[in-house]
Each structure stands twice: as C-alpha cells, then as structure tokens.
C-alpha cells in the first residue's frame, strides 16, 4: 500500500517540489489524501510511530548512507519489511516436521492432549530409578514442601514400603503420585533448596535433572491416564494437585493450560463430593474424612 501511494504521488511531488516556494509534503498528509482508496481498517501513519521507533533508520545503498526519521515513508517500509520477516519466521516455526509432536512435551499441555505415547504398568515400573535414588527424591520432597496439606507422611511411607515389596500390585494412580513426589524432589534439587545433598555424582548436573523432571512428568500423565483419572478415585486429586504444582514451578508466567488443568481438577473434586462435609458420608473413617478436608 505504501509503495502504491508513493507511485501515485510521485508526479504531484515532483511538480510540487519544482515550485520555488514549495516544501516537501510529509508522508502523513499524502496517505490521508489517498485514504479513500485504502481499506477502512487502514491506520494513519502517525499511529504507527512510537517512542521505540523515534530513532528512525539508516538507509545504505551504492550511493552512500543516509538517515531517515521515523515518519519518513522509507522508515515505514523498513518496519513493514521487519514485520514480514517476523511473521515468516513464525509461520516456518508453526510447520513442524511430520514426526514432531504437536506440542511441547515439557509443557503443561501434556495432560490435556495426552503424552507422546501411552505406557503399560510394566513400562512405568521399569523406568523407576533405583530405590536409593527414589528414597532421596522422596525425602527431599517431604523435607522441602508442606506435604501434610495434601499427603499424610506416615500413611504414604507405609504404602511406600508396600510398593517396594510388591510393585505390580500397586495401583496406577499411586504410581502417578510417587512420580509427582520424585518430580518435585528433582525440581527442588535443581532450585538448590537443599544444595548439600546430591543424588549421585552423575545425576547432580542441571541437564540430568531436567531430563529426570521431564521423564517423571511424562510418567505422571501416563499413570493418570492408565488409572482412568477422569472417574475419580483414591489419590486422583492429590496427584493432580501436585502435578499442577510441578507445572507452576516450571513457569514464571501464568499458562492458560495450567488454569484449564485447575478447572478440570475442581470439576473432579465436585464430582467426588469434596465440597460436602465428610460427616454426611456414612462409613468414612475419621482419618479419611480429615484428609479429604485437607485436600
């Protein structure tokens, strides 16, 4: 559009400038004069200018280098070229190769759209590190987080021992809960909340911790899907709460996907009756009622 206006006004500019008393017409009035030939959404060139663009630009060619201020049409064309390049790069990045995932597997979209691949309980169990490493990660979680608000430490450690005695008998959702604890423990190690403790000489680097965190995150989602979390059940909300905590710790800014996950969690809590006082449910033990209140 700017080029078209330049061509349309070139004749009038030449005749205007040939007059002894004439002064060059600025770009703004020229565009305003021809505004009837442009789209209704076309903005006046003066609105394009901003404090960040007041520096103008340098034009280099074979005849030399010249400076134009931000209101000059050459500067406007410069900005348009930069915008074109910017959107071209965005378009290129949006066209992923066929074998690439449709989303960032490390982002909070993981549970919303599903992991890159599902896993059986045997595959999940096979990916759990040695007990010495898991012990340290779980310990770091309980020493670094206000876990009593969601998980009862004594009860969990009892179930933790039962898990190591018979891993195959462990429900998938509980494996997801364990994965959230390991993931948060690795995050706390990365954030150096407890810098004096190292998992091992080959697992203390930030790169390895990132890899562990991403692996545990994927396992959390796989366990939730394997346990059909949408139907509710034991430890579903606790796992979701800690999974959201994992995501919140990874991002400085609020992510819309995290808020969608939070909304899903609230709907599940409503479906499972968490908004009701536990005294309304017969047969519920005082311990279970107290933990429901904490959740």
C-alpha atoms as a PDB file:
ATOM      1  CA  UNK A   1       0.000   0.000   0.000  1.00  0.00           C
ATOM      2  CA  UNK A   2       2.812   2.411   0.855  1.00  0.00           C
ATOM      3  CA  UNK A   3       4.589   1.649  -2.425  1.00  0.00           C
ATOM      4  CA  UNK A   4       1.329   2.201  -4.324  1.00  0.00           C
ATOM      5  CA  UNK A   5       0.812   5.553  -2.631  1.00  0.00           C
ATOM      6  CA  UNK A   6       4.407   6.524  -3.391  1.00  0.00           C
ATOM      7  CA  UNK A   7       3.857   5.774  -7.068  1.00  0.00           C
ATOM      8  CA  UNK A   8       0.556   7.656  -7.182  1.00  0.00           C
ATOM      9  CA  UNK A   9       2.037  10.749  -5.547  1.00  0.00           C
ATOM     10  CA  UNK A  10       5.381  10.770  -7.341  1.00  0.00           C
ATOM     11  CA  UNK A  11       4.096  13.073 -10.127  1.00  0.00           C
ATOM     12  CA  UNK A  12       2.462  15.564  -7.772  1.00  0.00           C
ATOM     13  CA  UNK A  13       5.533  15.564  -5.517  1.00  0.00           C
ATOM     14  CA  UNK A  14       7.816  16.316  -8.476  1.00  0.00           C
ATOM     15  CA  UNK A  15       5.704  19.246  -9.645  1.00  0.00           C
ATOM     16  CA  UNK A  16       5.261  20.476  -6.066  1.00  0.00           C
ATOM     17  CA  UNK A  17       8.971  20.385  -5.314  1.00  0.00           C
ATOM     18  CA  UNK A  18       9.788  22.219  -8.590  1.00  0.00           C
ATOM     19  CA  UNK A  19       7.982  25.279  -7.273  1.00  0.00           C
ATOM     20  CA  UNK A  20      10.415  27.761  -5.607  1.00  0.00           C
ATOM     21  CA  UNK A  21       8.135  28.332  -2.625  1.00  0.00           C
ATOM     22  CA  UNK A  22       7.152  24.706  -2.151  1.00  0.00           C
ATOM     23  CA  UNK A  23       8.235  22.476   0.678  1.00  0.00           C
ATOM     24  CA  UNK A  24       8.225  18.682   0.583  1.00  0.00           C
ATOM     25  CA  UNK A  25       4.922  17.156   1.719  1.00  0.00           C
ATOM     26  CA  UNK A  26       5.214  14.781   4.646  1.00  0.00           C
ATOM     27  CA  UNK A  27       4.018  11.229   4.398  1.00  0.00           C
ATOM     28  CA  UNK A  28       1.048  11.692   6.756  1.00  0.00           C
ATOM     29  CA  UNK A  29      -0.975  14.130   4.592  1.00  0.00           C
ATOM     30  CA  UNK A  30      -0.193  12.139   1.445  1.00  0.00           C
ATOM     31  CA  UNK A  31      -1.624   8.997   2.980  1.00  0.00           C
ATOM     32  CA  UNK A  32      -4.604  10.878   4.379  1.00  0.00           C
ATOM     33  CA  UNK A  33      -5.353  12.326   0.931  1.00  0.00           C
ATOM     34  CA  UNK A  34      -5.439   8.850  -0.605  1.00  0.00           C
ATOM     35  CA  UNK A  35      -7.192   7.193   2.332  1.00  0.00           C
ATOM     36  CA  UNK A  36     -10.403   6.746   0.327  1.00  0.00           C
ATOM     37  CA  UNK A  37      -8.577   4.224  -1.852  1.00  0.00           C
ATOM     38  CA  UNK A  38      -7.469   2.064   1.083  1.00  0.00           C
ATOM     39  CA  UNK A  39      -9.153  -0.381   3.438  1.00  0.00           C
ATOM     40  CA  UNK A  40     -11.352   1.086   6.212  1.00  0.00           C
ATOM     41  CA  UNK A  41      -9.056  -0.580   8.732  1.00  0.00           C
ATOM     42  CA  UNK A  42      -6.005   1.310   7.457  1.00  0.00           C
ATOM     43  CA  UNK A  43      -4.485   3.343  10.260  1.00  0.00           C
ATOM     44  CA  UNK A  44      -2.997   6.803   9.868  1.00  0.00           C
ATOM     45  CA  UNK A  45       0.824   6.613   9.608  1.00  0.00           C
ATOM     46  CA  UNK A  46       1.165   8.794  12.681  1.00  0.00           C
ATOM     47  CA  UNK A  47      -0.311   5.957  14.745  1.00  0.00           C
ATOM     48  CA  UNK A  48       2.481   3.674  13.590  1.00  0.00           C
ATOM     49  CA  UNK A  49       5.078   5.819  15.267  1.00  0.00           C
ATOM     50  CA  UNK A  50       6.010   5.071  18.860  1.00  0.00           C
ATOM     51  CA  UNK A  51       8.756   6.133  21.266  1.00  0.00           C
ATOM     52  CA  UNK A  52      10.654   2.998  20.337  1.00  0.00           C
ATOM     53  CA  UNK A  53      10.634   3.964  16.633  1.00  0.00           C
ATOM     54  CA  UNK A  54      11.576   7.634  17.006  1.00  0.00           C
ATOM     55  CA  UNK A  55      15.212   6.841  16.326  1.00  0.00           C
ATOM     56  CA  UNK A  56      14.439   6.393  12.633  1.00  0.00           C
ATOM     57  CA  UNK A  57      16.676   4.212  10.481  1.00  0.00           C
ATOM     58  CA  UNK A  58      19.803   4.251   8.333  1.00  0.00           C
ATOM     59  CA  UNK A  59      19.465   3.632   4.605  1.00  0.00           C
ATOM     60  CA  UNK A  60      22.538   2.187   2.886  1.00  0.00           C
ATOM     61  CA  UNK A  61      22.972   1.825  -0.866  1.00  0.00           C
ATOM     62  CA  UNK A  62      25.647   2.206  -3.548  1.00  0.00           C
ATOM     63  CA  UNK A  63      25.478   5.979  -3.429  1.00  0.00           C
ATOM     64  CA  UNK A  64      26.124   6.054   0.314  1.00  0.00           C
ATOM     65  CA  UNK A  65      24.353   6.030   3.643  1.00  0.00           C
ATOM     66  CA  UNK A  66      21.564   8.352   4.716  1.00  0.00           C
ATOM     67  CA  UNK A  67      19.385   8.741   7.787  1.00  0.00           C
ATOM     68  CA  UNK A  68      15.578   8.977   7.678  1.00  0.00           C
ATOM     69  CA  UNK A  69      13.364   9.796  10.620  1.00  0.00           C
ATOM     70  CA  UNK A  70      10.559   7.536  11.792  1.00  0.00           C
ATOM     71  CA  UNK A  71       7.848   9.483   9.903  1.00  0.00           C
ATOM     72  CA  UNK A  72       9.514   9.064   6.515  1.00  0.00           C
ATOM     73  CA  UNK A  73       7.951   6.542   4.156  1.00  0.00           C
ATOM     74  CA  UNK A  74      11.297   4.729   3.792  1.00  0.00           C
ATOM     75  CA  UNK A  75      11.302   4.115   7.535  1.00  0.00           C
ATOM     76  CA  UNK A  76       7.715   2.850   7.338  1.00  0.00           C
ATOM     77  CA  UNK A  77       8.712   0.444   4.573  1.00  0.00           C
ATOM     78  CA  UNK A  78      11.619  -0.703   6.736  1.00  0.00           C
ATOM     79  CA  UNK A  79       9.236  -1.530   9.559  1.00  0.00           C
ATOM     80  CA  UNK A  80       6.910  -3.377   7.174  1.00  0.00           C
ATOM     81  CA  UNK A  81       9.822  -5.490   5.952  1.00  0.00           C
ATOM     82  CA  UNK A  82      10.761  -6.356   9.519  1.00  0.00           C
ATOM     83  CA  UNK A  83       7.159  -7.365  10.244  1.00  0.00           C
ATOM     84  CA  UNK A  84       7.092  -9.576   7.160  1.00  0.00           C
ATOM     85  CA  UNK A  85      10.290 -11.317   8.232  1.00  0.00           C
ATOM     86  CA  UNK A  86       8.916 -11.768  11.754  1.00  0.00           C
ATOM     87  CA  UNK A  87       5.689 -13.410  10.579  1.00  0.00           C
ATOM     88  CA  UNK A  88       7.538 -15.534   8.043  1.00  0.00           C
ATOM     89  CA  UNK A  89       9.679 -16.939  10.856  1.00  0.00           C
ATOM     90  CA  UNK A  90       6.556 -17.611  12.926  1.00  0.00           C
ATOM     91  CA  UNK A  91       4.924 -19.423  10.014  1.00  0.00           C
ATOM     92  CA  UNK A  92       8.035 -21.525   9.461  1.00  0.00           C
ATOM     93  CA  UNK A  93       8.189 -22.499  13.137  1.00  0.00           C
ATOM     94  CA  UNK A  94       4.496 -23.439  13.117  1.00  0.00           C
ATOM     95  CA  UNK A  95       5.038 -26.014  10.342  1.00  0.00           C
ATOM     96  CA  UNK A  96       6.521 -28.903  12.290  1.00  0.00           C
ATOM     97  CA  UNK A  97       8.023 -31.980  10.642  1.00  0.00           C
ATOM     98  CA  UNK A  98       5.646 -34.969  10.360  1.00  0.00           C
ATOM     99  CA  UNK A  99       7.451 -36.892  13.089  1.00  0.00           C
ATOM    100  CA  UNK A 100       7.413 -33.996  15.570  1.00  0.00           C
ATOM    101  CA  UNK A 101       4.894 -33.856  18.448  1.00  0.00           C
ATOM    102  CA  UNK A 102       2.052 -31.354  18.050  1.00  0.00           C
ATOM    103  CA  UNK A 103       3.047 -29.643  21.272  1.00  0.00           C
ATOM    104  CA  UNK A 104       5.925 -29.138  23.641  1.00  0.00           C
ATOM    105  CA  UNK A 105       6.138 -32.386  25.618  1.00  0.00           C
ATOM    106  CA  UNK A 106       7.647 -30.472  28.523  1.00  0.00           C
ATOM    107  CA  UNK A 107       4.758 -28.012  28.741  1.00  0.00           C
ATOM    108  CA  UNK A 108       1.504 -28.142  30.714  1.00  0.00           C
ATOM    109  CA  UNK A 109      -0.361 -29.367  27.621  1.00  0.00           C
ATOM    110  CA  UNK A 110       0.909 -32.870  28.373  1.00  0.00           C
ATOM    111  CA  UNK A 111      -2.163 -33.987  30.333  1.00  0.00           C
ATOM    112  CA  UNK A 112      -4.630 -32.022  28.194  1.00  0.00           C
ATOM    113  CA  UNK A 113      -3.628 -33.608  24.881  1.00  0.00           C
ATOM    114  CA  UNK A 114      -2.052 -36.808  26.142  1.00  0.00           C
ATOM    115  CA  UNK A 115       1.605 -37.870  26.287  1.00  0.00           C
ATOM    116  CA  UNK A 116       3.569 -38.669  23.111  1.00  0.00           C
ATOM    117  CA  UNK A 117       2.903 -42.343  23.868  1.00  0.00           C
ATOM    118  CA  UNK A 118       0.955 -44.340  26.424  1.00  0.00           C
ATOM    119  CA  UNK A 119       2.685 -46.822  28.708  1.00  0.00           C
ATOM    120  CA  UNK A 120       1.756 -50.029  30.491  1.00  0.00           C
ATOM    121  CA  UNK A 121       2.288 -50.508  34.207  1.00  0.00           C
ATOM    122  CA  UNK A 122       5.294 -52.736  33.468  1.00  0.00           C
ATOM    123  CA  UNK A 123       6.915 -49.999  31.369  1.00  0.00           C
ATOM    124  CA  UNK A 124       6.274 -47.419  34.080  1.00  0.00           C
ATOM    125  CA  UNK A 125       7.737 -49.652  36.771  1.00  0.00           C
ATOM    126  CA  UNK A 126      10.780 -50.404  34.614  1.00  0.00           C
ATOM    127  CA  UNK A 127      11.510 -46.672  34.324  1.00  0.00           C
ATOM    128  CA  UNK A 128      11.555 -46.036  38.076  1.00  0.00           C
ATOM    129  CA  UNK A 129      15.156 -45.409  39.258  1.00  0.00           C
ATOM    130  CA  UNK A 130      16.946 -47.476  41.877  1.00  0.00           C
ATOM    131  CA  UNK A 131      15.474 -47.288  45.344  1.00  0.00           C
ATOM    132  CA  UNK A 132      18.452 -45.348  46.680  1.00  0.00           C
ATOM    133  CA  UNK A 133      17.680 -42.523  44.244  1.00  0.00           C
ATOM    134  CA  UNK A 134      13.918 -42.682  44.817  1.00  0.00           C
ATOM    135  CA  UNK A 135      14.472 -42.584  48.589  1.00  0.00           C
ATOM    136  CA  UNK A 136      16.481 -39.388  48.300  1.00  0.00           C
ATOM    137  CA  UNK A 137      13.977 -37.725  45.968  1.00  0.00           C
ATOM    138  CA  UNK A 138      11.028 -38.608  48.207  1.00  0.00           C
ATOM    139  CA  UNK A 139      12.952 -37.468  51.267  1.00  0.00           C
ATOM    140  CA  UNK A 140      13.798 -34.188  49.576  1.00  0.00           C
ATOM    141  CA  UNK A 141      10.124 -33.654  48.783  1.00  0.00           C
ATOM    142  CA  UNK A 142       8.981 -34.208  52.371  1.00  0.00           C
ATOM    143  CA  UNK A 143      11.807 -32.033  53.707  1.00  0.00           C
ATOM    144  CA  UNK A 144      11.183 -29.194  51.271  1.00  0.00           C
ATOM    145  CA  UNK A 145       7.426 -28.977  50.867  1.00  0.00           C
ATOM    146  CA  UNK A 146       4.401 -28.502  53.111  1.00  0.00           C
ATOM    147  CA  UNK A 147       3.313 -32.025  52.211  1.00  0.00           C
ATOM    148  CA  UNK A 148       0.968 -32.546  55.154  1.00  0.00           C
ATOM    149  CA  UNK A 149      -1.555 -30.302  53.383  1.00  0.00           C
ATOM    150  CA  UNK A 150      -2.042 -32.966  50.716  1.00  0.00           C
ATOM    151  CA  UNK A 151      -0.331 -36.204  51.768  1.00  0.00           C
ATOM    152  CA  UNK A 152      -0.097 -37.791  55.200  1.00  0.00           C
ATOM    153  CA  UNK A 153       3.591 -38.618  55.581  1.00  0.00           C
ATOM    154  CA  UNK A 154       3.218 -41.693  57.808  1.00  0.00           C
ATOM    155  CA  UNK A 155       0.449 -43.163  55.675  1.00  0.00           C
ATOM    156  CA  UNK A 156       2.401 -42.578  52.483  1.00  0.00           C
ATOM    157  CA  UNK A 157       5.594 -44.150  53.844  1.00  0.00           C
ATOM    158  CA  UNK A 158       3.615 -47.230  54.856  1.00  0.00           C
ATOM    159  CA  UNK A 159       2.294 -47.533  51.308  1.00  0.00           C
ATOM    160  CA  UNK A 160       5.779 -46.771  50.005  1.00  0.00           C
ATOM    161  CA  UNK A 161       7.194 -49.845  51.759  1.00  0.00           C
ATOM    162  CA  UNK A 162       4.332 -51.973  50.430  1.00  0.00           C
ATOM    163  CA  UNK A 163       5.121 -50.738  46.926  1.00  0.00           C
ATOM    164  CA  UNK A 164       8.726 -51.971  47.070  1.00  0.00           C
ATOM    165  CA  UNK A 165       7.536 -55.332  48.390  1.00  0.00           C
ATOM    166  CA  UNK A 166       5.076 -55.867  45.521  1.00  0.00           C
ATOM    167  CA  UNK A 167       5.339 -53.218  42.772  1.00  0.00           C
ATOM    168  CA  UNK A 168       2.935 -54.959  40.354  1.00  0.00           C
ATOM    169  CA  UNK A 169       0.098 -54.825  42.890  1.00  0.00           C
ATOM    170  CA  UNK A 170       0.394 -51.038  43.176  1.00  0.00           C
ATOM    171  CA  UNK A 171      -2.461 -49.031  41.593  1.00  0.00           C
ATOM    172  CA  UNK A 172      -1.510 -46.877  38.607  1.00  0.00           C
ATOM    173  CA  UNK A 173      -2.718 -43.680  40.305  1.00  0.00           C
ATOM    174  CA  UNK A 174      -0.426 -44.308  43.289  1.00  0.00           C
ATOM    175  CA  UNK A 175       2.483 -44.706  40.865  1.00  0.00           C
ATOM    176  CA  UNK A 176       1.482 -41.322  39.481  1.00  0.00           C
ATOM    177  CA  UNK A 177       1.543 -39.889  42.990  1.00  0.00           C
ATOM    178  CA  UNK A 178       5.024 -41.312  43.533  1.00  0.00           C
ATOM    179  CA  UNK A 179       6.110 -39.796  40.218  1.00  0.00           C
ATOM    180  CA  UNK A 180       4.897 -36.352  41.338  1.00  0.00           C
ATOM    181  CA  UNK A 181       6.949 -36.637  44.527  1.00  0.00           C
ATOM    182  CA  UNK A 182      10.049 -37.662  42.580  1.00  0.00           C
ATOM    183  CA  UNK A 183       9.474 -34.879  40.060  1.00  0.00           C
ATOM    184  CA  UNK A 184       9.077 -32.226  42.759  1.00  0.00           C
ATOM    185  CA  UNK A 185      12.099 -33.629  44.600  1.00  0.00           C
ATOM    186  CA  UNK A 186      14.186 -33.266  41.438  1.00  0.00           C
ATOM    187  CA  UNK A 187      12.857 -29.741  40.945  1.00  0.00           C
ATOM    188  CA  UNK A 188      13.809 -28.775  44.496  1.00  0.00           C
ATOM    189  CA  UNK A 189      17.283 -30.150  43.861  1.00  0.00           C
ATOM    190  CA  UNK A 190      17.506 -28.080  40.687  1.00  0.00           C
ATOM    191  CA  UNK A 191      16.314 -24.967  42.516  1.00  0.00           C
ATOM    192  CA  UNK A 192      19.025 -25.680  45.112  1.00  0.00           C
ATOM    193  CA  UNK A 193      16.638 -25.672  48.023  1.00  0.00           C
ATOM    194  CA  UNK A 194      18.890 -28.321  49.506  1.00  0.00           C
ATOM    195  CA  UNK A 195      22.275 -27.880  47.761  1.00  0.00           C
ATOM    196  CA  UNK A 196      24.146 -30.036  50.268  1.00  0.00           C
ATOM    197  CA  UNK A 197      22.525 -33.240  49.049  1.00  0.00           C
ATOM    198  CA  UNK A 198      23.291 -34.802  45.680  1.00  0.00           C
ATOM    199  CA  UNK A 199      21.550 -37.746  44.084  1.00  0.00           C
ATOM    200  CA  UNK A 200      24.840 -39.141  42.846  1.00  0.00           C
ATOM    201  CA  UNK A 201      27.921 -37.910  41.089  1.00  0.00           C
ATOM    202  CA  UNK A 202      26.342 -38.435  37.667  1.00  0.00           C
ATOM    203  CA  UNK A 203      22.856 -37.081  38.443  1.00  0.00           C
ATOM    204  CA  UNK A 204      23.637 -33.783  40.090  1.00  0.00           C
ATOM    205  CA  UNK A 205      24.034 -31.720  36.936  1.00  0.00           C
ATOM    206  CA  UNK A 206      21.263 -29.414  35.799  1.00  0.00           C
ATOM    207  CA  UNK A 207      20.982 -31.175  32.444  1.00  0.00           C
ATOM    208  CA  UNK A 208      20.410 -34.576  34.032  1.00  0.00           C
ATOM    209  CA  UNK A 209      17.931 -33.088  36.476  1.00  0.00           C
ATOM    210  CA  UNK A 210      15.975 -31.565  33.595  1.00  0.00           C
ATOM    211  CA  UNK A 211      15.882 -34.941  31.900  1.00  0.00           C
ATOM    212  CA  UNK A 212      14.663 -36.593  35.106  1.00  0.00           C
ATOM    213  CA  UNK A 213      11.972 -33.937  35.608  1.00  0.00           C
ATOM    214  CA  UNK A 214      10.668 -34.362  32.056  1.00  0.00           C
ATOM    215  CA  UNK A 215      10.658 -38.158  32.388  1.00  0.00           C
ATOM    216  CA  UNK A 216       8.801 -38.061  35.706  1.00  0.00           C
ATOM    217  CA  UNK A 217       6.308 -35.569  34.263  1.00  0.00           C
ATOM    218  CA  UNK A 218       5.530 -37.905  31.396  1.00  0.00           C
ATOM    219  CA  UNK A 219       5.134 -40.801  33.844  1.00  0.00           C
ATOM    220  CA  UNK A 220       2.666 -38.771  35.951  1.00  0.00           C
ATOM    221  CA  UNK A 221       0.435 -38.234  32.932  1.00  0.00           C
ATOM    222  CA  UNK A 222       0.765 -41.832  31.773  1.00  0.00           C
ATOM    223  CA  UNK A 223      -0.207 -43.076  35.227  1.00  0.00           C
ATOM    224  CA  UNK A 224      -3.225 -40.762  35.420  1.00  0.00           C
ATOM    225  CA  UNK A 225      -4.442 -41.937  32.015  1.00  0.00           C
ATOM    226  CA  UNK A 226      -3.730 -45.582  32.851  1.00  0.00           C
ATOM    227  CA  UNK A 227      -5.704 -45.194  36.093  1.00  0.00           C
ATOM    228  CA  UNK A 228      -8.628 -43.525  34.240  1.00  0.00           C
ATOM    229  CA  UNK A 229      -8.337 -40.467  36.455  1.00  0.00           C
ATOM    230  CA  UNK A 230     -11.413 -38.787  34.985  1.00  0.00           C
ATOM    231  CA  UNK A 231     -13.575 -41.201  37.005  1.00  0.00           C
ATOM    232  CA  UNK A 232     -12.012 -40.059  40.265  1.00  0.00           C
ATOM    233  CA  UNK A 233     -10.800 -42.374  42.991  1.00  0.00           C
ATOM    234  CA  UNK A 234      -8.141 -42.634  45.683  1.00  0.00           C
ATOM    235  CA  UNK A 235      -5.191 -40.232  45.258  1.00  0.00           C
ATOM    236  CA  UNK A 236      -6.526 -38.766  41.981  1.00  0.00           C
ATOM    237  CA  UNK A 237      -6.930 -35.240  43.361  1.00  0.00           C
ATOM    238  CA  UNK A 238      -3.697 -35.414  45.341  1.00  0.00           C
ATOM    239  CA  UNK A 239      -1.808 -36.432  42.206  1.00  0.00           C
ATOM    240  CA  UNK A 240      -3.439 -33.685  40.153  1.00  0.00           C
ATOM    241  CA  UNK A 241      -2.695 -31.047  42.805  1.00  0.00           C
ATOM    242  CA  UNK A 242       0.982 -31.978  42.883  1.00  0.00           C
ATOM    243  CA  UNK A 243       1.137 -32.276  39.093  1.00  0.00           C
ATOM    244  CA  UNK A 244      -0.153 -28.713  38.802  1.00  0.00           C
ATOM    245  CA  UNK A 245       2.469 -27.694  41.382  1.00  0.00           C
ATOM    246  CA  UNK A 246       5.103 -29.254  39.109  1.00  0.00           C
ATOM    247  CA  UNK A 247       3.863 -27.126  36.208  1.00  0.00           C
ATOM    248  CA  UNK A 248       3.595 -23.922  38.261  1.00  0.00           C
ATOM    249  CA  UNK A 249       7.194 -24.272  39.444  1.00  0.00           C
ATOM    250  CA  UNK A 250       8.393 -24.517  35.837  1.00  0.00           C
ATOM    251  CA  UNK A 251       6.860 -21.278  34.553  1.00  0.00           C
ATOM    252  CA  UNK A 252       7.305 -17.699  35.709  1.00  0.00           C
ATOM    253  CA  UNK A 253       4.117 -16.551  33.972  1.00  0.00           C
ATOM    254  CA  UNK A 254       0.629 -17.994  34.183  1.00  0.00           C
ATOM    255  CA  UNK A 255      -0.092 -20.521  31.444  1.00  0.00           C
ATOM    256  CA  UNK A 256      -3.653 -20.926  30.170  1.00  0.00           C
ATOM    257  CA  UNK A 257      -3.137 -24.712  30.117  1.00  0.00           C
ATOM    258  CA  UNK A 258      -2.438 -24.683  33.859  1.00  0.00           C
ATOM    259  CA  UNK A 259      -5.713 -22.853  34.505  1.00  0.00           C
ATOM    260  CA  UNK A 260      -7.566 -25.388  32.354  1.00  0.00           C
ATOM    261  CA  UNK A 261      -5.997 -28.203  34.397  1.00  0.00           C
ATOM    262  CA  UNK A 262      -7.027 -26.440  37.586  1.00  0.00           C
ATOM    263  CA  UNK A 263     -10.601 -26.176  36.294  1.00  0.00           C
ATOM    264  CA  UNK A 264     -10.600 -29.899  35.481  1.00  0.00           C
ATOM    265  CA  UNK A 265      -9.352 -30.683  38.980  1.00  0.00           C
ATOM    266  CA  UNK A 266     -12.100 -28.563  40.573  1.00  0.00           C
ATOM    267  CA  UNK A 267     -14.770 -30.303  38.484  1.00  0.00           C
ATOM    268  CA  UNK A 268     -13.429 -33.704  39.565  1.00  0.00           C
ATOM    269  CA  UNK A 269     -13.468 -32.569  43.199  1.00  0.00           C
ATOM    270  CA  UNK A 270     -17.099 -31.524  42.823  1.00  0.00           C
ATOM    271  CA  UNK A 271     -17.916 -34.854  41.173  1.00  0.00           C
ATOM    272  CA  UNK A 272     -16.283 -36.707  44.077  1.00  0.00           C
ATOM    273  CA  UNK A 273     -18.178 -34.706  46.684  1.00  0.00           C
ATOM    274  CA  UNK A 274     -15.219 -32.846  48.164  1.00  0.00           C
ATOM    275  CA  UNK A 275     -17.372 -29.754  48.663  1.00  0.00           C
ATOM    276  CA  UNK A 276     -19.537 -31.697  51.156  1.00  0.00           C
ATOM    277  CA  UNK A 277     -18.689 -32.122  54.817  1.00  0.00           C
ATOM    278  CA  UNK A 278     -17.376 -35.691  55.327  1.00  0.00           C
ATOM    279  CA  UNK A 279     -19.821 -36.228  58.200  1.00  0.00           C
ATOM    280  CA  UNK A 280     -22.533 -36.659  55.569  1.00  0.00           C
ATOM    281  CA  UNK A 281     -20.893 -39.873  54.334  1.00  0.00           C
ATOM    282  CA  UNK A 282     -21.519 -42.954  56.470  1.00  0.00           C
ATOM    283  CA  UNK A 283     -18.731 -45.466  56.840  1.00  0.00           C
ATOM    284  CA  UNK A 284     -15.933 -42.945  56.239  1.00  0.00           C
ATOM    285  CA  UNK A 285     -13.161 -43.178  58.831  1.00  0.00           C
ATOM    286  CA  UNK A 286     -12.122 -40.060  60.782  1.00  0.00           C
ATOM    287  CA  UNK A 287      -8.689 -40.269  59.151  1.00  0.00           C
ATOM    288  CA  UNK A 288     -10.108 -40.304  55.614  1.00  0.00           C
ATOM    289  CA  UNK A 289     -12.518 -37.504  56.497  1.00  0.00           C
ATOM    290  CA  UNK A 290      -9.652 -35.355  57.815  1.00  0.00           C
ATOM    291  CA  UNK A 291      -7.526 -35.937  54.714  1.00  0.00           C
ATOM    292  CA  UNK A 292     -10.464 -35.032  52.453  1.00  0.00           C
ATOM    293  CA  UNK A 293     -10.782 -31.763  54.367  1.00  0.00           C
ATOM    294  CA  UNK A 294      -7.085 -31.054  53.884  1.00  0.00           C
ATOM    295  CA  UNK A 295      -7.300 -31.698  50.152  1.00  0.00           C
END
